[in-house]
Amino acid sequence: MMRPRLLLDAAIALAVLALAWQAVQWGLVRAVFQPDPQACQALQHTGACWGVVAAKWPVLLFGHFPYESQWRAGTATALLLAGGGAWAAALLAAQPTAARLRLVSGLALVGAAVALLLGGWGGLSPVSPTQWGGLPLTLVLALLAWLLAWPIGVALAYGRWAGAPPVAWGCTTVIELVRGAPLVIWLFAAAFAWPALLPESWTPGLLLRVLIVLGCFAAAYLAEILRGGLQTVPAEQAEAARVLGLGWWGIQRRIVLPQAVRATLPPLVSHAIGLLKDTSLVMVIGLHELSGSLGLAIGGDAEWRPFYLEAYITVAAAYAILCLAIARLGRRLEAAQRPVSV
């Protein structure tokens, strides 16, 4: 009975090993690591040309941020990663005071990164947000959109879950309207319809419009995730807290919302990963984040254009590292909330 299964497992293992061997041969043994297009072309695609990354990494990483100011983009990237790490540490903190301190530290780091990218102070030349690109732009969009999504998403979730009928109907309309169209449609609306329909004084810059769209789009999905969590909290807990003298706001802040968030940690983590990857869609309206900067780096260069695959693998690896970090944070949060059996 077990022999066919053993044969199948052995066949699958051999196939995986064969593919792994070919990948090692292509990606390491026969690969070219120097930025030498002639050596890469001589391979005839029998080996990887990582030289395209060595030659084009400034544009791949920072887009068309001014070359002489790319040190600012690199420093801002480090500040943004540190800010995201501070927010993650705030979620893992055991003491409320420590959590608030780390949250404020994260906000300060992200704000410093944005100020450094913008320039126009301390002798730094101003750089328009339309010139931002690469990894810094990806991080700015993901972090600020996620930060914007939370207050909007919580308000929509409570409005649909416990609001008066007109409020519930309005929140439901907003959620379904936003979720009913693809994100690309809303990005095009932000880029072209918003300036056409509203006065110029009511039209912020393109990056701010995109941030508002990303934040509201993420908030609509976040609201439904949280609404599901709110429905899992027993009503008896709120009633007991009311008897002890807590008001409605205190009950929601101290009892209901924390339990709703804990109950929905896996979908919240998946939503955060999805938002990070959704930032790649902004390239359709002329913002060149991490994946869009790849086209800037290689699209107009005939020597390096044949080696798109290696550049795509590099960009995909960068996204994978960021997504794995978010997933790791989610697992740690779940482990911290899991009851210990004795």
C-alpha atoms as a PDB file:
ATOM      1  CA  MET A   1       0.000   0.000   0.000  1.00  0.00           C
ATOM      2  CA  MET A   2       2.844   2.365   0.806  1.00  0.00           C
ATOM      3  CA  ARG A   3       5.021   1.567  -2.202  1.00  0.00           C
ATOM      4  CA  PRO A   4       3.209   3.787  -4.766  1.00  0.00           C
ATOM      5  CA  ARG A   5       3.272   6.669  -2.304  1.00  0.00           C
ATOM      6  CA  LEU A   6       6.984   6.156  -1.646  1.00  0.00           C
ATOM      7  CA  LEU A   7       7.645   6.089  -5.377  1.00  0.00           C
ATOM      8  CA  LEU A   8       5.663   9.288  -5.854  1.00  0.00           C
ATOM      9  CA  ASP A   9       7.516  11.012  -2.990  1.00  0.00           C
ATOM     10  CA  ALA A  10      10.843   9.886  -4.425  1.00  0.00           C
ATOM     11  CA  ALA A  11       9.913  11.164  -7.878  1.00  0.00           C
ATOM     12  CA  ILE A  12       8.876  14.547  -6.484  1.00  0.00           C
ATOM     13  CA  ALA A  13      12.077  14.772  -4.408  1.00  0.00           C
ATOM     14  CA  LEU A  14      14.211  13.959  -7.472  1.00  0.00           C
ATOM     15  CA  ALA A  15      12.373  16.573  -9.544  1.00  0.00           C
ATOM     16  CA  VAL A  16      12.899  19.219  -6.848  1.00  0.00           C
ATOM     17  CA  LEU A  17      16.578  18.331  -6.562  1.00  0.00           C
ATOM     18  CA  ALA A  18      16.995  18.504 -10.342  1.00  0.00           C
ATOM     19  CA  LEU A  19      15.350  21.933 -10.465  1.00  0.00           C
ATOM     20  CA  ALA A  20      17.449  23.133  -7.535  1.00  0.00           C
ATOM     21  CA  TRP A  21      20.623  21.915  -9.258  1.00  0.00           C
ATOM     22  CA  GLN A  22      19.710  23.737 -12.462  1.00  0.00           C
ATOM     23  CA  ALA A  23      18.929  26.892 -10.489  1.00  0.00           C
ATOM     24  CA  VAL A  24      22.312  26.749  -8.741  1.00  0.00           C
ATOM     25  CA  GLN A  25      24.090  26.181 -12.065  1.00  0.00           C
ATOM     26  CA  TRP A  26      22.246  29.082 -13.710  1.00  0.00           C
ATOM     27  CA  GLY A  27      22.261  31.496 -10.796  1.00  0.00           C
ATOM     28  CA  LEU A  28      25.719  30.894  -9.304  1.00  0.00           C
ATOM     29  CA  VAL A  29      28.081  28.570 -11.174  1.00  0.00           C
ATOM     30  CA  ARG A  30      27.735  30.007 -14.691  1.00  0.00           C
ATOM     31  CA  ALA A  31      26.629  33.489 -13.603  1.00  0.00           C
ATOM     32  CA  VAL A  32      28.366  36.785 -14.347  1.00  0.00           C
ATOM     33  CA  PHE A  33      28.533  39.200 -11.430  1.00  0.00           C
ATOM     34  CA  GLN A  34      30.551  42.003 -13.000  1.00  0.00           C
ATOM     35  CA  PRO A  35      28.742  44.857 -14.837  1.00  0.00           C
ATOM     36  CA  ASP A  36      30.051  43.596 -18.195  1.00  0.00           C
ATOM     37  CA  PRO A  37      27.321  43.449 -20.880  1.00  0.00           C
ATOM     38  CA  GLN A  38      29.583  41.657 -23.377  1.00  0.00           C
ATOM     39  CA  ALA A  39      30.308  38.847 -20.914  1.00  0.00           C
ATOM     40  CA  CYS A  40      26.617  38.574 -20.137  1.00  0.00           C
ATOM     41  CA  GLN A  41      25.667  38.381 -23.807  1.00  0.00           C
ATOM     42  CA  ALA A  42      28.294  35.671 -24.345  1.00  0.00           C
ATOM     43  CA  LEU A  43      26.410  33.463 -21.891  1.00  0.00           C
ATOM     44  CA  GLN A  44      23.432  33.245 -24.271  1.00  0.00           C
ATOM     45  CA  HIS A  45      21.194  33.053 -21.165  1.00  0.00           C
ATOM     46  CA  THR A  46      22.810  29.809 -20.008  1.00  0.00           C
ATOM     47  CA  GLY A  47      23.782  31.639 -16.815  1.00  0.00           C
ATOM     48  CA  ALA A  48      22.462  34.574 -14.845  1.00  0.00           C
ATOM     49  CA  CYS A  49      23.703  38.081 -15.491  1.00  0.00           C
ATOM     50  CA  TRP A  50      23.767  39.678 -12.050  1.00  0.00           C
ATOM     51  CA  GLY A  51      25.939  42.379 -13.570  1.00  0.00           C
ATOM     52  CA  VAL A  52      22.722  44.182 -14.517  1.00  0.00           C
ATOM     53  CA  VAL A  53      22.068  44.711 -10.798  1.00  0.00           C
ATOM     54  CA  ALA A  54      25.645  45.884 -10.209  1.00  0.00           C
ATOM     55  CA  ALA A  55      25.321  48.363 -13.073  1.00  0.00           C
ATOM     56  CA  LYS A  56      21.798  49.607 -12.425  1.00  0.00           C
ATOM     57  CA  TRP A  57      21.358  49.366  -8.653  1.00  0.00           C
ATOM     58  CA  PRO A  58      21.117  53.156  -8.020  1.00  0.00           C
ATOM     59  CA  VAL A  59      18.125  53.465 -10.347  1.00  0.00           C
ATOM     60  CA  LEU A  60      16.628  50.144  -9.236  1.00  0.00           C
ATOM     61  CA  LEU A  61      16.822  51.249  -5.599  1.00  0.00           C
ATOM     62  CA  PHE A  62      16.009  54.965  -5.842  1.00  0.00           C
ATOM     63  CA  GLY A  63      14.260  55.495  -9.195  1.00  0.00           C
ATOM     64  CA  HIS A  64      14.903  58.913 -10.729  1.00  0.00           C
ATOM     65  CA  PHE A  65      15.722  60.618  -7.439  1.00  0.00           C
ATOM     66  CA  PRO A  66      18.489  63.159  -8.287  1.00  0.00           C
ATOM     67  CA  TYR A  67      21.801  61.326  -8.410  1.00  0.00           C
ATOM     68  CA  GLU A  68      23.712  63.887  -6.366  1.00  0.00           C
ATOM     69  CA  SER A  69      21.125  63.582  -3.565  1.00  0.00           C
ATOM     70  CA  GLN A  70      20.771  59.821  -3.502  1.00  0.00           C
ATOM     71  CA  TRP A  71      22.521  59.708  -0.139  1.00  0.00           C
ATOM     72  CA  ARG A  72      19.359  61.318   1.183  1.00  0.00           C
ATOM     73  CA  ALA A  73      17.232  58.584  -0.368  1.00  0.00           C
ATOM     74  CA  GLY A  74      19.460  55.921   1.195  1.00  0.00           C
ATOM     75  CA  THR A  75      19.324  57.565   4.616  1.00  0.00           C
ATOM     76  CA  ALA A  76      15.553  57.994   4.306  1.00  0.00           C
ATOM     77  CA  THR A  77      15.206  54.297   3.477  1.00  0.00           C
ATOM     78  CA  ALA A  78      17.073  53.392   6.662  1.00  0.00           C
ATOM     79  CA  LEU A  79      14.877  55.791   8.674  1.00  0.00           C
ATOM     80  CA  LEU A  80      11.697  54.328   7.173  1.00  0.00           C
ATOM     81  CA  LEU A  81      12.781  50.786   7.960  1.00  0.00           C
ATOM     82  CA  ALA A  82      13.669  51.874  11.486  1.00  0.00           C
ATOM     83  CA  GLY A  83      10.287  53.585  11.819  1.00  0.00           C
ATOM     84  CA  GLY A  84       8.484  50.444  10.706  1.00  0.00           C
ATOM     85  CA  GLY A  85      10.586  48.453  13.157  1.00  0.00           C
ATOM     86  CA  ALA A  86       9.647  50.843  15.971  1.00  0.00           C
ATOM     87  CA  TRP A  87       5.950  50.368  15.177  1.00  0.00           C
ATOM     88  CA  ALA A  88       6.452  46.610  15.200  1.00  0.00           C
ATOM     89  CA  ALA A  89       8.206  46.885  18.577  1.00  0.00           C
ATOM     90  CA  ALA A  90       5.279  48.970  19.858  1.00  0.00           C
ATOM     91  CA  LEU A  91       2.897  46.149  18.980  1.00  0.00           C
ATOM     92  CA  LEU A  92       5.088  43.656  20.851  1.00  0.00           C
ATOM     93  CA  ALA A  93       5.632  45.859  23.903  1.00  0.00           C
ATOM     94  CA  ALA A  94       4.232  44.522  27.155  1.00  0.00           C
ATOM     95  CA  GLN A  95       3.818  47.920  28.836  1.00  0.00           C
ATOM     96  CA  PRO A  96       1.482  50.621  27.445  1.00  0.00           C
ATOM     97  CA  THR A  97       4.034  53.360  28.193  1.00  0.00           C
ATOM     98  CA  ALA A  98       6.733  51.560  26.220  1.00  0.00           C
ATOM     99  CA  ALA A  99       4.291  50.933  23.362  1.00  0.00           C
ATOM    100  CA  ARG A 100       3.356  54.632  23.162  1.00  0.00           C
ATOM    101  CA  LEU A 101       7.005  55.686  23.271  1.00  0.00           C
ATOM    102  CA  ARG A 102       7.908  53.342  20.414  1.00  0.00           C
ATOM    103  CA  LEU A 103       4.892  54.457  18.411  1.00  0.00           C
ATOM    104  CA  VAL A 104       5.908  58.108  18.761  1.00  0.00           C
ATOM    105  CA  SER A 105       9.511  57.192  17.902  1.00  0.00           C
ATOM    106  CA  GLY A 106       8.319  55.458  14.759  1.00  0.00           C
ATOM    107  CA  LEU A 107       6.270  58.488  13.755  1.00  0.00           C
ATOM    108  CA  ALA A 108       9.279  60.734  14.309  1.00  0.00           C
ATOM    109  CA  LEU A 109      11.529  58.486  12.196  1.00  0.00           C
ATOM    110  CA  VAL A 110       9.031  58.324   9.328  1.00  0.00           C
ATOM    111  CA  GLY A 111       8.517  62.096   9.526  1.00  0.00           C
ATOM    112  CA  ALA A 112      12.277  62.664   9.436  1.00  0.00           C
ATOM    113  CA  ALA A 113      12.554  60.405   6.377  1.00  0.00           C
ATOM    114  CA  VAL A 114       9.840  62.328   4.523  1.00  0.00           C
ATOM    115  CA  ALA A 115      11.465  65.652   5.449  1.00  0.00           C
ATOM    116  CA  LEU A 116      14.830  64.387   4.197  1.00  0.00           C
ATOM    117  CA  LEU A 117      13.313  63.281   0.901  1.00  0.00           C
ATOM    118  CA  LEU A 118      11.523  66.593   0.423  1.00  0.00           C
ATOM    119  CA  GLY A 119      14.516  68.794   1.261  1.00  0.00           C
ATOM    120  CA  GLY A 120      14.221  72.563   1.025  1.00  0.00           C
ATOM    121  CA  TRP A 121      15.708  73.076   4.495  1.00  0.00           C
ATOM    122  CA  GLY A 122      19.181  73.130   6.036  1.00  0.00           C
ATOM    123  CA  GLY A 123      20.797  73.737   2.659  1.00  0.00           C
ATOM    124  CA  LEU A 124      19.199  70.652   1.090  1.00  0.00           C
ATOM    125  CA  SER A 125      17.863  71.147  -2.410  1.00  0.00           C
ATOM    126  CA  PRO A 126      14.092  70.553  -2.698  1.00  0.00           C
ATOM    127  CA  VAL A 127      13.021  67.390  -4.482  1.00  0.00           C
ATOM    128  CA  SER A 128       9.461  67.095  -5.762  1.00  0.00           C
ATOM    129  CA  PRO A 129       7.577  63.978  -4.604  1.00  0.00           C
ATOM    130  CA  THR A 130       7.051  63.123  -8.282  1.00  0.00           C
ATOM    131  CA  GLN A 131      10.823  62.493  -8.441  1.00  0.00           C
ATOM    132  CA  TRP A 132      10.800  60.028  -5.581  1.00  0.00           C
ATOM    133  CA  GLY A 133      11.089  56.414  -6.564  1.00  0.00           C
ATOM    134  CA  GLY A 134      12.313  52.938  -5.792  1.00  0.00           C
ATOM    135  CA  LEU A 135      12.364  51.453  -2.319  1.00  0.00           C
ATOM    136  CA  PRO A 136      11.913  54.755  -0.419  1.00  0.00           C
ATOM    137  CA  LEU A 137       8.682  55.489  -2.287  1.00  0.00           C
ATOM    138  CA  THR A 138       7.407  51.946  -1.703  1.00  0.00           C
ATOM    139  CA  LEU A 139       8.024  52.273   2.030  1.00  0.00           C
ATOM    140  CA  VAL A 140       6.496  55.758   2.248  1.00  0.00           C
ATOM    141  CA  LEU A 141       3.328  54.616   0.466  1.00  0.00           C
ATOM    142  CA  ALA A 142       2.968  51.403   2.480  1.00  0.00           C
ATOM    143  CA  LEU A 143       3.687  52.872   5.923  1.00  0.00           C
ATOM    144  CA  LEU A 144       1.672  56.079   5.588  1.00  0.00           C
ATOM    145  CA  ALA A 145      -1.269  54.385   3.848  1.00  0.00           C
ATOM    146  CA  TRP A 146      -1.407  51.750   6.616  1.00  0.00           C
ATOM    147  CA  LEU A 147      -1.245  54.489   9.246  1.00  0.00           C
ATOM    148  CA  LEU A 148      -4.066  56.411   7.534  1.00  0.00           C
ATOM    149  CA  ALA A 149      -6.182  53.290   7.082  1.00  0.00           C
ATOM    150  CA  TRP A 150      -6.497  52.514  10.797  1.00  0.00           C
ATOM    151  CA  PRO A 151      -8.553  55.472  12.065  1.00  0.00           C
ATOM    152  CA  ILE A 152     -10.743  55.401   8.957  1.00  0.00           C
ATOM    153  CA  GLY A 153     -11.142  51.624   9.080  1.00  0.00           C
ATOM    154  CA  VAL A 154     -11.994  51.576  12.793  1.00  0.00           C
ATOM    155  CA  ALA A 155     -14.583  54.336  12.296  1.00  0.00           C
ATOM    156  CA  LEU A 156     -16.186  52.513   9.370  1.00  0.00           C
ATOM    157  CA  ALA A 157     -16.199  49.200  11.248  1.00  0.00           C
ATOM    158  CA  TYR A 158     -17.911  50.693  14.292  1.00  0.00           C
ATOM    159  CA  GLY A 159     -20.285  52.713  12.149  1.00  0.00           C
ATOM    160  CA  ARG A 160     -21.437  49.630  10.263  1.00  0.00           C
ATOM    161  CA  TRP A 161     -21.464  47.376  13.349  1.00  0.00           C
ATOM    162  CA  ALA A 162     -23.021  49.544  16.042  1.00  0.00           C
ATOM    163  CA  GLY A 163     -24.038  52.839  14.456  1.00  0.00           C
ATOM    164  CA  ALA A 164     -27.550  54.205  14.110  1.00  0.00           C
ATOM    165  CA  PRO A 165     -29.309  53.077  10.899  1.00  0.00           C
ATOM    166  CA  PRO A 166     -28.372  56.190   8.863  1.00  0.00           C
ATOM    167  CA  VAL A 167     -24.749  55.912  10.019  1.00  0.00           C
ATOM    168  CA  ALA A 168     -24.629  52.165   9.361  1.00  0.00           C
ATOM    169  CA  TRP A 169     -26.134  52.653   5.916  1.00  0.00           C
ATOM    170  CA  GLY A 170     -23.623  55.398   5.092  1.00  0.00           C
ATOM    171  CA  CYS A 171     -20.646  53.329   6.267  1.00  0.00           C
ATOM    172  CA  THR A 172     -21.884  50.298   4.348  1.00  0.00           C
ATOM    173  CA  THR A 173     -22.246  52.400   1.201  1.00  0.00           C
ATOM    174  CA  VAL A 174     -18.712  53.754   1.512  1.00  0.00           C
ATOM    175  CA  ILE A 175     -17.202  50.315   2.148  1.00  0.00           C
ATOM    176  CA  GLU A 176     -19.004  48.602  -0.710  1.00  0.00           C
ATOM    177  CA  LEU A 177     -18.370  51.485  -3.104  1.00  0.00           C
ATOM    178  CA  VAL A 178     -14.638  51.512  -2.423  1.00  0.00           C
ATOM    179  CA  ARG A 179     -14.329  47.718  -2.560  1.00  0.00           C
ATOM    180  CA  GLY A 180     -16.512  47.506  -5.644  1.00  0.00           C
ATOM    181  CA  ALA A 181     -13.886  48.984  -7.984  1.00  0.00           C
ATOM    182  CA  PRO A 182     -10.287  47.855  -8.557  1.00  0.00           C
ATOM    183  CA  LEU A 183      -7.539  49.904  -6.969  1.00  0.00           C
ATOM    184  CA  VAL A 184      -6.262  50.874 -10.428  1.00  0.00           C
ATOM    185  CA  ILE A 185      -9.553  52.673 -11.131  1.00  0.00           C
ATOM    186  CA  TRP A 186      -9.229  54.708  -7.933  1.00  0.00           C
ATOM    187  CA  LEU A 187      -5.613  55.531  -8.745  1.00  0.00           C
ATOM    188  CA  PHE A 188      -6.612  56.813 -12.181  1.00  0.00           C
ATOM    189  CA  ALA A 189      -9.386  58.815 -10.532  1.00  0.00           C
ATOM    190  CA  ALA A 190      -6.882  60.363  -8.125  1.00  0.00           C
ATOM    191  CA  ALA A 191      -4.451  61.168 -10.926  1.00  0.00           C
ATOM    192  CA  PHE A 192      -6.853  62.510 -13.559  1.00  0.00           C
ATOM    193  CA  ALA A 193     -10.451  62.858 -12.353  1.00  0.00           C
ATOM    194  CA  TRP A 194      -9.687  64.671  -9.101  1.00  0.00           C
ATOM    195  CA  PRO A 195      -7.835  67.609 -10.780  1.00  0.00           C
ATOM    196  CA  ALA A 196     -10.485  67.796 -13.521  1.00  0.00           C
ATOM    197  CA  LEU A 197     -13.500  67.869 -11.196  1.00  0.00           C
ATOM    198  CA  LEU A 198     -12.265  69.993  -8.282  1.00  0.00           C
ATOM    199  CA  PRO A 199     -10.709  73.465  -8.092  1.00  0.00           C
ATOM    200  CA  GLU A 200      -6.934  73.658  -8.130  1.00  0.00           C
ATOM    201  CA  SER A 201      -6.914  74.910  -4.531  1.00  0.00           C
ATOM    202  CA  TRP A 202      -8.570  71.619  -3.488  1.00  0.00           C
ATOM    203  CA  THR A 203      -6.140  69.457  -5.443  1.00  0.00           C
ATOM    204  CA  PRO A 204      -3.034  68.370  -3.498  1.00  0.00           C
ATOM    205  CA  GLY A 205       0.039  66.911  -5.139  1.00  0.00           C
ATOM    206  CA  LEU A 206      -0.086  63.565  -6.913  1.00  0.00           C
ATOM    207  CA  LEU A 207       1.703  61.676  -4.141  1.00  0.00           C
ATOM    208  CA  LEU A 208      -0.687  62.955  -1.470  1.00  0.00           C
ATOM    209  CA  ARG A 209      -3.687  62.043  -3.648  1.00  0.00           C
ATOM    210  CA  VAL A 210      -2.296  58.546  -4.130  1.00  0.00           C
ATOM    211  CA  LEU A 211      -1.719  58.206  -0.383  1.00  0.00           C
ATOM    212  CA  ILE A 212      -5.329  59.208   0.307  1.00  0.00           C
ATOM    213  CA  VAL A 213      -6.602  56.650  -2.203  1.00  0.00           C
ATOM    214  CA  LEU A 214      -4.374  53.864  -0.871  1.00  0.00           C
ATOM    215  CA  GLY A 215      -5.340  54.678   2.713  1.00  0.00           C
ATOM    216  CA  CYS A 216      -9.074  54.746   1.988  1.00  0.00           C
ATOM    217  CA  PHE A 217      -8.893  51.592  -0.117  1.00  0.00           C
ATOM    218  CA  ALA A 218      -7.022  49.770   2.648  1.00  0.00           C
ATOM    219  CA  ALA A 219      -9.453  51.179   5.240  1.00  0.00           C
ATOM    220  CA  ALA A 220     -12.468  49.658   3.471  1.00  0.00           C
ATOM    221  CA  TYR A 221     -11.016  46.161   3.689  1.00  0.00           C
ATOM    222  CA  LEU A 222      -9.663  46.787   7.185  1.00  0.00           C
ATOM    223  CA  ALA A 223     -13.144  47.824   8.339  1.00  0.00           C
ATOM    224  CA  GLU A 224     -14.656  44.516   7.268  1.00  0.00           C
ATOM    225  CA  ILE A 225     -11.864  42.532   8.919  1.00  0.00           C
ATOM    226  CA  LEU A 226     -12.341  44.424  12.186  1.00  0.00           C
ATOM    227  CA  ARG A 227     -16.130  44.168  11.983  1.00  0.00           C
ATOM    228  CA  GLY A 228     -15.780  40.408  11.914  1.00  0.00           C
ATOM    229  CA  GLY A 229     -13.573  40.603  14.996  1.00  0.00           C
ATOM    230  CA  LEU A 230     -16.003  42.899  16.825  1.00  0.00           C
ATOM    231  CA  GLN A 231     -18.764  40.342  16.378  1.00  0.00           C
ATOM    232  CA  THR A 232     -16.688  37.704  18.171  1.00  0.00           C
ATOM    233  CA  VAL A 233     -16.486  39.637  21.453  1.00  0.00           C
ATOM    234  CA  PRO A 234     -19.192  38.409  23.875  1.00  0.00           C
ATOM    235  CA  ALA A 235     -21.715  41.096  24.804  1.00  0.00           C
ATOM    236  CA  GLU A 236     -21.515  39.969  28.444  1.00  0.00           C
ATOM    237  CA  GLN A 237     -18.015  41.452  28.728  1.00  0.00           C
ATOM    238  CA  ALA A 238     -19.228  44.902  27.766  1.00  0.00           C
ATOM    239  CA  GLU A 239     -22.145  44.588  30.163  1.00  0.00           C
ATOM    240  CA  ALA A 240     -19.837  43.593  33.014  1.00  0.00           C
ATOM    241  CA  ALA A 241     -17.536  46.543  32.272  1.00  0.00           C
ATOM    242  CA  ARG A 242     -20.541  48.881  32.247  1.00  0.00           C
ATOM    243  CA  VAL A 243     -21.578  47.626  35.659  1.00  0.00           C
ATOM    244  CA  LEU A 244     -18.055  48.382  36.925  1.00  0.00           C
ATOM    245  CA  GLY A 245     -18.436  51.991  35.778  1.00  0.00           C
ATOM    246  CA  LEU A 246     -16.669  52.107  32.406  1.00  0.00           C
ATOM    247  CA  GLY A 247     -18.237  54.310  29.753  1.00  0.00           C
ATOM    248  CA  TRP A 248     -18.781  53.320  26.131  1.00  0.00           C
ATOM    249  CA  TRP A 249     -15.431  54.722  24.946  1.00  0.00           C
ATOM    250  CA  GLY A 250     -13.552  53.011  27.748  1.00  0.00           C
ATOM    251  CA  ILE A 251     -15.243  49.686  27.047  1.00  0.00           C
ATOM    252  CA  GLN A 252     -14.379  49.831  23.375  1.00  0.00           C
ATOM    253  CA  ARG A 253     -10.786  50.995  23.920  1.00  0.00           C
ATOM    254  CA  ARG A 254      -9.908  48.658  26.771  1.00  0.00           C
ATOM    255  CA  ILE A 255     -12.003  45.540  26.142  1.00  0.00           C
ATOM    256  CA  VAL A 256     -13.752  45.210  22.802  1.00  0.00           C
ATOM    257  CA  LEU A 257     -11.324  46.590  20.208  1.00  0.00           C
ATOM    258  CA  PRO A 258      -8.185  44.847  21.599  1.00  0.00           C
ATOM    259  CA  GLN A 259      -9.997  41.496  21.510  1.00  0.00           C
ATOM    260  CA  ALA A 260     -11.287  42.164  18.007  1.00  0.00           C
ATOM    261  CA  VAL A 261      -7.757  42.911  16.798  1.00  0.00           C
ATOM    262  CA  ARG A 262      -6.362  39.760  18.462  1.00  0.00           C
ATOM    263  CA  ALA A 263      -9.101  37.647  16.890  1.00  0.00           C
ATOM    264  CA  THR A 264      -8.308  38.965  13.407  1.00  0.00           C
ATOM    265  CA  LEU A 265      -4.487  38.998  13.490  1.00  0.00           C
ATOM    266  CA  PRO A 266      -3.980  36.543  10.573  1.00  0.00           C
ATOM    267  CA  PRO A 267      -6.209  38.455   8.114  1.00  0.00           C
ATOM    268  CA  LEU A 268      -4.762  41.774   9.326  1.00  0.00           C
ATOM    269  CA  VAL A 269      -1.240  40.541   8.562  1.00  0.00           C
ATOM    270  CA  SER A 270      -2.358  39.310   5.140  1.00  0.00           C
ATOM    271  CA  HIS A 271      -3.978  42.682   4.507  1.00  0.00           C
ATOM    272  CA  ALA A 272      -0.754  44.502   5.416  1.00  0.00           C
ATOM    273  CA  ILE A 273       1.219  42.300   3.015  1.00  0.00           C
ATOM    274  CA  GLY A 274      -1.366  42.920   0.299  1.00  0.00           C
ATOM    275  CA  LEU A 275      -1.129  46.676   0.815  1.00  0.00           C
ATOM    276  CA  LEU A 276       2.650  46.568   0.488  1.00  0.00           C
ATOM    277  CA  LYS A 277       2.348  44.738  -2.832  1.00  0.00           C
ATOM    278  CA  ASP A 278      -0.490  46.986  -4.010  1.00  0.00           C
ATOM    279  CA  THR A 279       1.905  49.944  -3.944  1.00  0.00           C
ATOM    280  CA  SER A 280       3.411  48.553  -7.158  1.00  0.00           C
ATOM    281  CA  LEU A 281       0.243  49.620  -9.000  1.00  0.00           C
ATOM    282  CA  VAL A 282       1.127  53.312  -8.707  1.00  0.00           C
ATOM    283  CA  MET A 283       3.498  52.950 -11.656  1.00  0.00           C
ATOM    284  CA  VAL A 284       0.460  53.066 -13.973  1.00  0.00           C
ATOM    285  CA  ILE A 285       0.035  56.765 -13.107  1.00  0.00           C
ATOM    286  CA  GLY A 286       3.687  57.727 -13.397  1.00  0.00           C
ATOM    287  CA  LEU A 287       5.084  57.066  -9.920  1.00  0.00           C
ATOM    288  CA  HIS A 288       8.056  54.731 -10.098  1.00  0.00           C
ATOM    289  CA  GLU A 289       8.254  52.747  -6.868  1.00  0.00           C
ATOM    290  CA  LEU A 290      10.402  49.639  -6.489  1.00  0.00           C
ATOM    291  CA  SER A 291       8.934  47.662  -9.401  1.00  0.00           C
ATOM    292  CA  GLY A 292       8.376  50.758 -11.548  1.00  0.00           C
ATOM    293  CA  SER A 293      12.003  51.825 -11.131  1.00  0.00           C
ATOM    294  CA  LEU A 294      13.003  48.607 -12.889  1.00  0.00           C
ATOM    295  CA  GLY A 295      11.528  49.946 -16.118  1.00  0.00           C
ATOM    296  CA  LEU A 296      13.409  53.213 -15.635  1.00  0.00           C
ATOM    297  CA  ALA A 297      16.672  51.351 -15.118  1.00  0.00           C
ATOM    298  CA  ILE A 298      16.494  48.928 -18.032  1.00  0.00           C
ATOM    299  CA  GLY A 299      13.731  49.978 -20.417  1.00  0.00           C
ATOM    300  CA  GLY A 300      15.798  52.565 -22.274  1.00  0.00           C
ATOM    301  CA  ASP A 301      19.134  50.732 -22.216  1.00  0.00           C
ATOM    302  CA  ALA A 302      19.599  48.387 -25.162  1.00  0.00           C
ATOM    303  CA  GLU A 303      22.690  46.739 -23.628  1.00  0.00           C
ATOM    304  CA  TRP A 304      20.974  45.657 -20.422  1.00  0.00           C
ATOM    305  CA  ARG A 305      17.417  45.227 -21.695  1.00  0.00           C
ATOM    306  CA  PRO A 306      17.821  41.480 -22.452  1.00  0.00           C
ATOM    307  CA  PHE A 307      18.432  40.813 -18.749  1.00  0.00           C
ATOM    308  CA  TYR A 308      15.060  41.794 -17.377  1.00  0.00           C
ATOM    309  CA  LEU A 309      14.688  38.411 -15.636  1.00  0.00           C
ATOM    310  CA  GLU A 310      17.633  38.959 -13.296  1.00  0.00           C
ATOM    311  CA  ALA A 311      16.385  42.441 -12.426  1.00  0.00           C
ATOM    312  CA  TYR A 312      12.876  41.124 -11.784  1.00  0.00           C
ATOM    313  CA  ILE A 313      14.265  38.397  -9.518  1.00  0.00           C
ATOM    314  CA  THR A 314      16.144  41.064  -7.526  1.00  0.00           C
ATOM    315  CA  VAL A 315      13.044  43.223  -7.119  1.00  0.00           C
ATOM    316  CA  ALA A 316      10.955  40.172  -6.229  1.00  0.00           C
ATOM    317  CA  ALA A 317      13.530  39.230  -3.575  1.00  0.00           C
ATOM    318  CA  ALA A 318      13.247  42.710  -2.049  1.00  0.00           C
ATOM    319  CA  TYR A 319       9.445  42.381  -1.859  1.00  0.00           C
ATOM    320  CA  ALA A 320       9.781  38.875  -0.445  1.00  0.00           C
ATOM    321  CA  ILE A 321      12.092  40.064   2.349  1.00  0.00           C
ATOM    322  CA  LEU A 322       9.656  42.827   3.326  1.00  0.00           C
ATOM    323  CA  CYS A 323       6.651  40.484   3.195  1.00  0.00           C
ATOM    324  CA  LEU A 324       8.453  37.800   5.213  1.00  0.00           C
ATOM    325  CA  ALA A 325       9.315  40.415   7.843  1.00  0.00           C
ATOM    326  CA  ILE A 326       5.627  41.358   8.156  1.00  0.00           C
ATOM    327  CA  ALA A 327       4.640  37.682   8.318  1.00  0.00           C
ATOM    328  CA  ARG A 328       7.262  37.093  11.015  1.00  0.00           C
ATOM    329  CA  LEU A 329       5.842  39.985  13.022  1.00  0.00           C
ATOM    330  CA  GLY A 330       2.369  38.482  12.695  1.00  0.00           C
ATOM    331  CA  ARG A 331       3.560  35.104  13.986  1.00  0.00           C
ATOM    332  CA  ARG A 332       5.242  36.760  16.959  1.00  0.00           C
ATOM    333  CA  LEU A 333       2.079  38.699  17.756  1.00  0.00           C
ATOM    334  CA  GLU A 334       0.004  35.511  17.566  1.00  0.00           C
ATOM    335  CA  ALA A 335       2.484  33.699  19.814  1.00  0.00           C
ATOM    336  CA  ALA A 336       2.385  36.539  22.321  1.00  0.00           C
ATOM    337  CA  GLN A 337      -1.417  36.326  22.490  1.00  0.00           C
ATOM    338  CA  ARG A 338      -1.638  32.524  22.597  1.00  0.00           C
ATOM    339  CA  PRO A 339      -2.601  31.208  26.032  1.00  0.00           C
ATOM    340  CA  VAL A 340      -0.033  28.972  27.703  1.00  0.00           C
ATOM    341  CA  SER A 341      -1.395  25.619  28.908  1.00  0.00           C
ATOM    342  CA  VAL A 342      -0.162  24.303  32.266  1.00  0.00           C
END
